[in-house]
Amino acid sequence: MQWMIEKKDRQKVALLEYLMQRPELRLSIKMVQEAFDWSKYIALTTIRDLVADLATFYPDLEPFVTLSDDEKTLILNRERNYDATMFRLNYLRESIPWLLMKELFDETMHSYDDFAVRNLTTVSTTRNAKLELDDYFAGHGVVITPALMLDLRTDFSLPCKLIAEEHFLYDSIFTRI
């Protein structure tokens, strides 16, 4: 299900996992660039986005990572009470392919235009997500009909597996707290 998450969100999760494993309290941006083979621009953008997301998800905690004023060093907090799985799940639930798949399973999808308006995206992005789902479902013998419904005559287990996987991720996060 990793493929459903946008690339920039996958990068933020990978960065969080990397930072959680680092024993240092200060880390140069250059080390992050080399670890992920990113340009300085991508590294700084990903770090800023991760810092903003951490502040959103954990408003009451002291920031885990901050960027130095000269933007050359990351300062890591000793308290590392963050869970990359929760971030991944949150990004998954916000992804267009996931939202589209849920609507197809619930049979509430009526048109690309309607979906795009309700989810603040474009029709072309919705079509591209549908094509990704077509490719994924084809490997499981499931077809999305022209009426935007799933033809599950061949295998009904796929929707059950995907939804169970999401609930397993969600439940496993809160059983560890």
Foldseek 3Di string as FASTA:
>chain_A
DLVLFDPLLVVLLVVLVVVVPDPDQKDFLVVVCVVVVHDSVSSLVSVVVSQVVCCVVCVPDDGQWDADPVRTMIGGDPDDPDDSLVSSLVRNVLGLLNVLVVCQVVVVDAALVVSCVVNVHDSVVNVVSVVVVQVVCVVVVWHQDPRRHIDCPPDPCVVVVVVVVSVVSVVVVVVVD
